[in-house]
C-alpha atoms as a PDB file:
ATOM      1  CA  UNK A   1      -5.549   5.739  12.953  1.00  0.00           C
ATOM      2  CA  UNK A   2      -3.741   4.421  16.099  1.00  0.00           C
ATOM      3  CA  UNK A   3      -1.045   1.949  15.272  1.00  0.00           C
ATOM      4  CA  UNK A   4      -3.004  -1.090  16.558  1.00  0.00           C
ATOM      5  CA  UNK A   5      -5.975  -0.475  14.007  1.00  0.00           C
ATOM      6  CA  UNK A   6      -3.499   0.268  11.198  1.00  0.00           C
ATOM      7  CA  UNK A   7      -2.036  -3.249  11.948  1.00  0.00           C
ATOM      8  CA  UNK A   8      -5.371  -4.816  12.552  1.00  0.00           C
ATOM      9  CA  UNK A   9      -6.835  -3.532   9.099  1.00  0.00           C
ATOM     10  CA  UNK A  10      -3.755  -4.472   7.180  1.00  0.00           C
ATOM     11  CA  UNK A  11      -3.818  -7.984   8.542  1.00  0.00           C
ATOM     12  CA  UNK A  12      -7.507  -8.405   8.161  1.00  0.00           C
ATOM     13  CA  UNK A  13      -7.419  -7.162   4.397  1.00  0.00           C
ATOM     14  CA  UNK A  14      -3.951  -8.874   3.441  1.00  0.00           C
ATOM     15  CA  UNK A  15      -3.585 -11.732   5.711  1.00  0.00           C
ATOM     16  CA  UNK A  16      -4.818 -14.328   3.134  1.00  0.00           C
ATOM     17  CA  UNK A  17      -3.212 -12.604   0.107  1.00  0.00           C
ATOM     18  CA  UNK A  18       0.498 -12.326   1.029  1.00  0.00           C
ATOM     19  CA  UNK A  19       2.994 -14.438   2.381  1.00  0.00           C
ATOM     20  CA  UNK A  20       4.266 -14.224   5.986  1.00  0.00           C
ATOM     21  CA  UNK A  21       7.369 -12.186   5.155  1.00  0.00           C
ATOM     22  CA  UNK A  22       5.655  -9.694   2.632  1.00  0.00           C
ATOM     23  CA  UNK A  23       2.967  -9.101   5.029  1.00  0.00           C
ATOM     24  CA  UNK A  24       5.363  -8.342   7.899  1.00  0.00           C
ATOM     25  CA  UNK A  25       7.158  -5.942   5.514  1.00  0.00           C
ATOM     26  CA  UNK A  26       4.230  -4.199   4.381  1.00  0.00           C
ATOM     27  CA  UNK A  27       2.931  -3.821   7.985  1.00  0.00           C
ATOM     28  CA  UNK A  28       6.297  -2.323   9.207  1.00  0.00           C
ATOM     29  CA  UNK A  29       6.256   0.193   6.318  1.00  0.00           C
ATOM     30  CA  UNK A  30       2.545   1.372   7.136  1.00  0.00           C
ATOM     31  CA  UNK A  31       3.430   1.730  10.801  1.00  0.00           C
ATOM     32  CA  UNK A  32       6.490   3.820  10.155  1.00  0.00           C
ATOM     33  CA  UNK A  33       4.724   6.543   8.398  1.00  0.00           C
ATOM     34  CA  UNK A  34       3.442   7.231  12.077  1.00  0.00           C
ATOM     35  CA  UNK A  35       7.061   7.805  13.395  1.00  0.00           C
ATOM     36  CA  UNK A  36       7.536  10.961  15.432  1.00  0.00           C
ATOM     37  CA  UNK A  37       9.320  12.602  12.484  1.00  0.00           C
ATOM     38  CA  UNK A  38       6.527  12.287  10.060  1.00  0.00           C
ATOM     39  CA  UNK A  39       3.944  13.646  12.681  1.00  0.00           C
ATOM     40  CA  UNK A  40       5.684  16.884  13.604  1.00  0.00           C
ATOM     41  CA  UNK A  41       4.884  18.726  10.279  1.00  0.00           C
ATOM     42  CA  UNK A  42       5.953  18.508   6.718  1.00  0.00           C
ATOM     43  CA  UNK A  43       4.192  15.417   5.879  1.00  0.00           C
ATOM     44  CA  UNK A  44       0.419  15.833   5.626  1.00  0.00           C
ATOM     45  CA  UNK A  45       0.485  13.827   2.451  1.00  0.00           C
ATOM     46  CA  UNK A  46       1.597  10.797   4.505  1.00  0.00           C
ATOM     47  CA  UNK A  47      -1.953  10.795   6.338  1.00  0.00           C
ATOM     48  CA  UNK A  48      -4.252  12.587   4.000  1.00  0.00           C
ATOM     49  CA  UNK A  49      -4.305  15.634   6.271  1.00  0.00           C
ATOM     50  CA  UNK A  50      -4.676  19.454   5.531  1.00  0.00           C
ATOM     51  CA  UNK A  51      -6.750  19.009   2.392  1.00  0.00           C
ATOM     52  CA  UNK A  52      -3.531  18.135   0.348  1.00  0.00           C
ATOM     53  CA  UNK A  53      -5.242  16.197  -2.040  1.00  0.00           C
ATOM     54  CA  UNK A  54      -3.258  16.839  -5.093  1.00  0.00           C
ATOM     55  CA  UNK A  55       0.057  16.252  -2.987  1.00  0.00           C
ATOM     56  CA  UNK A  56      -1.245  13.055  -1.741  1.00  0.00           C
ATOM     57  CA  UNK A  57      -2.476  11.656  -4.957  1.00  0.00           C
ATOM     58  CA  UNK A  58       1.049  12.444  -6.271  1.00  0.00           C
ATOM     59  CA  UNK A  59       2.617  10.676  -3.436  1.00  0.00           C
ATOM     60  CA  UNK A  60       0.317   7.600  -3.917  1.00  0.00           C
ATOM     61  CA  UNK A  61       1.263   7.578  -7.512  1.00  0.00           C
ATOM     62  CA  UNK A  62       4.832   7.523  -6.903  1.00  0.00           C
ATOM     63  CA  UNK A  63       4.553   4.645  -4.351  1.00  0.00           C
ATOM     64  CA  UNK A  64       2.470   2.734  -7.081  1.00  0.00           C
ATOM     65  CA  UNK A  65       5.091   3.431  -9.685  1.00  0.00           C
ATOM     66  CA  UNK A  66       7.839   2.278  -7.561  1.00  0.00           C
ATOM     67  CA  UNK A  67       5.933  -1.105  -6.934  1.00  0.00           C
ATOM     68  CA  UNK A  68       5.594  -1.528 -10.753  1.00  0.00           C
ATOM     69  CA  UNK A  69       9.187  -0.545 -11.644  1.00  0.00           C
ATOM     70  CA  UNK A  70      10.698  -3.008  -9.161  1.00  0.00           C
ATOM     71  CA  UNK A  71       8.691  -5.916 -10.246  1.00  0.00           C
ATOM     72  CA  UNK A  72       9.177  -4.912 -13.886  1.00  0.00           C
ATOM     73  CA  UNK A  73      13.012  -5.055 -13.573  1.00  0.00           C
ATOM     74  CA  UNK A  74      13.080  -8.099 -11.362  1.00  0.00           C
ATOM     75  CA  UNK A  75      14.207  -5.992  -8.470  1.00  0.00           C
ATOM     76  CA  UNK A  76      14.243  -6.847  -4.918  1.00  0.00           C
ATOM     77  CA  UNK A  77      10.546  -7.343  -3.867  1.00  0.00           C
ATOM     78  CA  UNK A  78      11.107  -5.696  -0.436  1.00  0.00           C
ATOM     79  CA  UNK A  79      11.245  -2.570  -2.036  1.00  0.00           C
ATOM     80  CA  UNK A  80       7.833  -2.992  -3.511  1.00  0.00           C
ATOM     81  CA  UNK A  81       6.494  -4.305  -0.248  1.00  0.00           C
ATOM     82  CA  UNK A  82       7.551  -1.001   1.564  1.00  0.00           C
ATOM     83  CA  UNK A  83       6.199   1.125  -1.290  1.00  0.00           C
ATOM     84  CA  UNK A  84       2.775  -0.723  -0.799  1.00  0.00           C
ATOM     85  CA  UNK A  85       2.902  -0.669   2.807  1.00  0.00           C
ATOM     86  CA  UNK A  86       3.192   3.409   2.574  1.00  0.00           C
ATOM     87  CA  UNK A  87       0.138   3.249   0.280  1.00  0.00           C
ATOM     88  CA  UNK A  88      -2.029   1.403   2.659  1.00  0.00           C
ATOM     89  CA  UNK A  89      -1.233   3.554   5.536  1.00  0.00           C
ATOM     90  CA  UNK A  90      -2.111   6.848   3.633  1.00  0.00           C
ATOM     91  CA  UNK A  91      -5.475   5.252   2.211  1.00  0.00           C
ATOM     92  CA  UNK A  92      -6.509   4.109   5.479  1.00  0.00           C
ATOM     93  CA  UNK A  93      -5.968   7.361   7.321  1.00  0.00           C
ATOM     94  CA  UNK A  94      -8.167   8.912   4.545  1.00  0.00           C
ATOM     95  CA  UNK A  95     -11.290   7.620   6.171  1.00  0.00           C
ATOM     96  CA  UNK A  96      -9.977   8.496   9.606  1.00  0.00           C
ATOM     97  CA  UNK A  97      -9.027  11.934   8.921  1.00  0.00           C
ATOM     98  CA  UNK A  98     -11.770  13.206   6.491  1.00  0.00           C
ATOM     99  CA  UNK A  99     -15.490  13.610   6.555  1.00  0.00           C
ATOM    100  CA  UNK A 100     -16.054  10.843   4.021  1.00  0.00           C
ATOM    101  CA  UNK A 101     -18.037   8.704   6.389  1.00  0.00           C
ATOM    102  CA  UNK A 102     -20.327  11.470   7.193  1.00  0.00           C
ATOM    103  CA  UNK A 103     -20.825  12.147   3.591  1.00  0.00           C
ATOM    104  CA  UNK A 104     -21.764   8.674   3.091  1.00  0.00           C
ATOM    105  CA  UNK A 105     -24.156   8.391   5.970  1.00  0.00           C
ATOM    106  CA  UNK A 106     -26.085  11.456   4.708  1.00  0.00           C
ATOM    107  CA  UNK A 107     -26.314   9.802   1.081  1.00  0.00           C
ATOM    108  CA  UNK A 108     -27.250   6.561   2.527  1.00  0.00           C
ATOM    109  CA  UNK A 109     -30.263   8.328   4.623  1.00  0.00           C
ATOM    110  CA  UNK A 110     -31.543  10.169   1.619  1.00  0.00           C
ATOM    111  CA  UNK A 111     -31.322   6.754  -0.658  1.00  0.00           C
ATOM    112  CA  UNK A 112     -32.785   4.728   1.859  1.00  0.00           C
ATOM    113  CA  UNK A 113     -35.376   6.842   3.202  1.00  0.00           C
ATOM    114  CA  UNK A 114     -34.207   6.102   6.856  1.00  0.00           C
ATOM    115  CA  UNK A 115     -32.609   9.081   8.192  1.00  0.00           C
ATOM    116  CA  UNK A 116     -32.925   7.809  11.820  1.00  0.00           C
ATOM    117  CA  UNK A 117     -31.809   4.198  11.130  1.00  0.00           C
ATOM    118  CA  UNK A 118     -28.057   3.935  11.225  1.00  0.00           C
ATOM    119  CA  UNK A 119     -26.614   1.372   8.548  1.00  0.00           C
ATOM    120  CA  UNK A 120     -24.476  -1.469   9.260  1.00  0.00           C
ATOM    121  CA  UNK A 121     -20.895  -0.461   9.020  1.00  0.00           C
ATOM    122  CA  UNK A 122     -20.292  -3.375   6.880  1.00  0.00           C
ATOM    123  CA  UNK A 123     -22.365  -1.566   4.070  1.00  0.00           C
ATOM    124  CA  UNK A 124     -20.022   1.358   3.659  1.00  0.00           C
ATOM    125  CA  UNK A 125     -18.210   1.509   0.263  1.00  0.00           C
ATOM    126  CA  UNK A 126     -14.750   3.438   0.071  1.00  0.00           C
ATOM    127  CA  UNK A 127     -14.835   4.642  -3.317  1.00  0.00           C
ATOM    128  CA  UNK A 128     -18.035   6.155  -4.367  1.00  0.00           C
ATOM    129  CA  UNK A 129     -17.355   8.529  -7.093  1.00  0.00           C
ATOM    130  CA  UNK A 130     -19.445  11.275  -6.200  1.00  0.00           C
ATOM    131  CA  UNK A 131     -18.341  11.359  -2.769  1.00  0.00           C
ATOM    132  CA  UNK A 132     -14.646  11.246  -3.431  1.00  0.00           C
ATOM    133  CA  UNK A 133     -15.155  14.248  -5.830  1.00  0.00           C
ATOM    134  CA  UNK A 134     -17.692  15.976  -3.504  1.00  0.00           C
ATOM    135  CA  UNK A 135     -16.920  19.561  -3.154  1.00  0.00           C
ATOM    136  CA  UNK A 136     -17.834  19.213   0.689  1.00  0.00           C
ATOM    137  CA  UNK A 137     -15.420  16.604   1.254  1.00  0.00           C
ATOM    138  CA  UNK A 138     -12.168  17.876   3.209  1.00  0.00           C
ATOM    139  CA  UNK A 139      -9.414  16.480   5.236  1.00  0.00           C
ATOM    140  CA  UNK A 140      -8.570  17.362   8.746  1.00  0.00           C
ATOM    141  CA  UNK A 141      -6.089  20.164   9.658  1.00  0.00           C
ATOM    142  CA  UNK A 142      -3.237  19.028  12.007  1.00  0.00           C
ATOM    143  CA  UNK A 143      -2.111  21.870  14.289  1.00  0.00           C
ATOM    144  CA  UNK A 144       0.434  20.326  16.646  1.00  0.00           C
ATOM    145  CA  UNK A 145      -0.428  22.898  19.499  1.00  0.00           C
ATOM    146  CA  UNK A 146      -4.154  21.533  19.473  1.00  0.00           C
ATOM    147  CA  UNK A 147      -2.812  18.088  19.542  1.00  0.00           C
ATOM    148  CA  UNK A 148      -0.580  18.637  22.350  1.00  0.00           C
ATOM    149  CA  UNK A 149      -3.000  20.474  24.445  1.00  0.00           C
ATOM    150  CA  UNK A 150      -5.842  17.974  23.601  1.00  0.00           C
ATOM    151  CA  UNK A 151      -3.522  15.139  25.128  1.00  0.00           C
ATOM    152  CA  UNK A 152      -3.268  16.856  28.344  1.00  0.00           C
ATOM    153  CA  UNK A 153      -5.182  15.087  31.191  1.00  0.00           C
ATOM    154  CA  UNK A 154      -8.274  16.763  32.224  1.00  0.00           C
ATOM    155  CA  UNK A 155      -7.436  20.047  30.567  1.00  0.00           C
ATOM    156  CA  UNK A 156      -7.897  18.231  27.223  1.00  0.00           C
ATOM    157  CA  UNK A 157     -11.257  17.048  27.622  1.00  0.00           C
ATOM    158  CA  UNK A 158     -12.020  20.889  28.342  1.00  0.00           C
ATOM    159  CA  UNK A 159     -10.200  22.421  25.690  1.00  0.00           C
ATOM    160  CA  UNK A 160     -11.339  20.056  22.773  1.00  0.00           C
ATOM    161  CA  UNK A 161     -14.723  21.407  22.225  1.00  0.00           C
ATOM    162  CA  UNK A 162     -13.435  24.795  21.693  1.00  0.00           C
ATOM    163  CA  UNK A 163     -10.826  23.716  18.799  1.00  0.00           C
ATOM    164  CA  UNK A 164     -12.016  24.313  15.332  1.00  0.00           C
ATOM    165  CA  UNK A 165     -14.335  21.610  14.066  1.00  0.00           C
ATOM    166  CA  UNK A 166     -12.232  20.705  10.941  1.00  0.00           C
ATOM    167  CA  UNK A 167      -8.882  19.960  13.118  1.00  0.00           C
ATOM    168  CA  UNK A 168      -8.007  16.564  13.541  1.00  0.00           C
ATOM    169  CA  UNK A 169      -8.136  16.708  17.215  1.00  0.00           C
ATOM    170  CA  UNK A 170     -11.849  17.387  16.894  1.00  0.00           C
ATOM    171  CA  UNK A 171     -12.812  15.444  13.607  1.00  0.00           C
ATOM    172  CA  UNK A 172     -10.432  12.299  13.807  1.00  0.00           C
ATOM    173  CA  UNK A 173     -11.798   8.590  13.743  1.00  0.00           C
ATOM    174  CA  UNK A 174      -8.386   7.161  14.663  1.00  0.00           C
ATOM    175  CA  UNK A 175      -9.881   4.708  17.526  1.00  0.00           C
ATOM    176  CA  UNK A 176     -13.062   3.528  19.200  1.00  0.00           C
ATOM    177  CA  UNK A 177     -13.221   6.432  21.678  1.00  0.00           C
ATOM    178  CA  UNK A 178     -13.503   8.823  18.656  1.00  0.00           C
ATOM    179  CA  UNK A 179     -17.174   7.749  18.623  1.00  0.00           C
ATOM    180  CA  UNK A 180     -19.643   5.484  16.587  1.00  0.00           C
ATOM    181  CA  UNK A 181     -18.294   6.605  13.171  1.00  0.00           C
ATOM    182  CA  UNK A 182     -14.943   4.816  13.934  1.00  0.00           C
ATOM    183  CA  UNK A 183     -16.458   1.469  12.864  1.00  0.00           C
ATOM    184  CA  UNK A 184     -17.543   2.826   9.359  1.00  0.00           C
ATOM    185  CA  UNK A 185     -14.033   4.414   9.034  1.00  0.00           C
ATOM    186  CA  UNK A 186     -12.525   1.043  10.061  1.00  0.00           C
ATOM    187  CA  UNK A 187     -14.412  -0.874   7.586  1.00  0.00           C
ATOM    188  CA  UNK A 188     -14.034   1.477   4.653  1.00  0.00           C
ATOM    189  CA  UNK A 189     -10.110   1.570   5.318  1.00  0.00           C
ATOM    190  CA  UNK A 190     -10.179  -2.140   5.271  1.00  0.00           C
ATOM    191  CA  UNK A 191     -12.347  -2.354   2.085  1.00  0.00           C
ATOM    192  CA  UNK A 192      -9.879   0.295   0.436  1.00  0.00           C
ATOM    193  CA  UNK A 193      -6.726  -1.792   1.315  1.00  0.00           C
ATOM    194  CA  UNK A 194      -8.248  -4.681  -0.483  1.00  0.00           C
ATOM    195  CA  UNK A 195      -9.269  -2.684  -3.401  1.00  0.00           C
ATOM    196  CA  UNK A 196      -5.611  -1.395  -3.594  1.00  0.00           C
ATOM    197  CA  UNK A 197      -4.272  -4.896  -3.354  1.00  0.00           C
ATOM    198  CA  UNK A 198      -6.834  -6.408  -6.048  1.00  0.00           C
ATOM    199  CA  UNK A 199      -5.829  -3.433  -8.455  1.00  0.00           C
ATOM    200  CA  UNK A 200      -2.396  -4.006  -8.079  1.00  0.00           C
ATOM    201  CA  UNK A 201      -2.544  -7.700  -8.409  1.00  0.00           C
ATOM    202  CA  UNK A 202      -4.442  -7.394 -11.638  1.00  0.00           C
ATOM    203  CA  UNK A 203      -2.003  -4.863 -13.048  1.00  0.00           C
ATOM    204  CA  UNK A 204       1.034  -6.918 -12.192  1.00  0.00           C
ATOM    205  CA  UNK A 205      -0.521 -10.217 -13.560  1.00  0.00           C
ATOM    206  CA  UNK A 206      -1.404  -8.381 -16.820  1.00  0.00           C
ATOM    207  CA  UNK A 207       1.759  -6.484 -17.507  1.00  0.00           C
ATOM    208  CA  UNK A 208       4.358  -8.659 -15.958  1.00  0.00           C
ATOM    209  CA  UNK A 209       3.085 -12.145 -15.631  1.00  0.00           C
ATOM    210  CA  UNK A 210       2.623 -14.752 -12.942  1.00  0.00           C
ATOM    211  CA  UNK A 211       6.360 -14.814 -12.089  1.00  0.00           C
ATOM    212  CA  UNK A 212       6.320 -11.175 -10.844  1.00  0.00           C
ATOM    213  CA  UNK A 213       3.053 -11.540  -9.185  1.00  0.00           C
ATOM    214  CA  UNK A 214       4.479 -14.508  -7.222  1.00  0.00           C
ATOM    215  CA  UNK A 215       7.536 -12.514  -6.160  1.00  0.00           C
ATOM    216  CA  UNK A 216       5.156  -9.937  -4.819  1.00  0.00           C
ATOM    217  CA  UNK A 217       2.861 -12.141  -2.787  1.00  0.00           C
ATOM    218  CA  UNK A 218       4.941 -15.039  -1.896  1.00  0.00           C
ATOM    219  CA  UNK A 219       8.805 -14.028  -2.115  1.00  0.00           C
ATOM    220  CA  UNK A 220       9.561 -16.340  -5.021  1.00  0.00           C
ATOM    221  CA  UNK A 221      12.884 -15.593  -6.461  1.00  0.00           C
END
């Protein structure tokens, strides 16, 4: 997703859950994953690209463990906030860079019996098990040449329809201009960010107690 939407999603999801300093650090860590050096290749797992599911889930597990280890050992909470910010970026990109939204819409149409009535975007759920494990689920291929050509004025609009449909430039839901499915990706990303926080909140509270939890959410030393 574009920077402004990563920031908006993270603020909406966590603005009432984290203190100001923690929230700002989480947002900045989220946005840094779109630094140019991470977009030029070699980091598809930062953005849930290229069907790198195993590598991406391993990366998310590493960041979750960093959060937990930092708080368990009374370390600098900044390290935990940065790790969590990276998590939020990656899971948010999942909905913009995969066909999860399309699969959800298809399933919703079958279940409701109203294939021609688009559901409200607020109805989408981000972690439906049979969709997360669906063999038809895939994430976008990021090809730098296509991305560059697609950004060229006029020429890009002509060329994009000829690029493979599973490429990022064709299937991304990074912004409203991507089409009507963007609103579903936005809501799913916000809900997933909330779920990531709630799961971590419960884990920290259960294993490490209220003091560690307060250090994470409110910068208490």
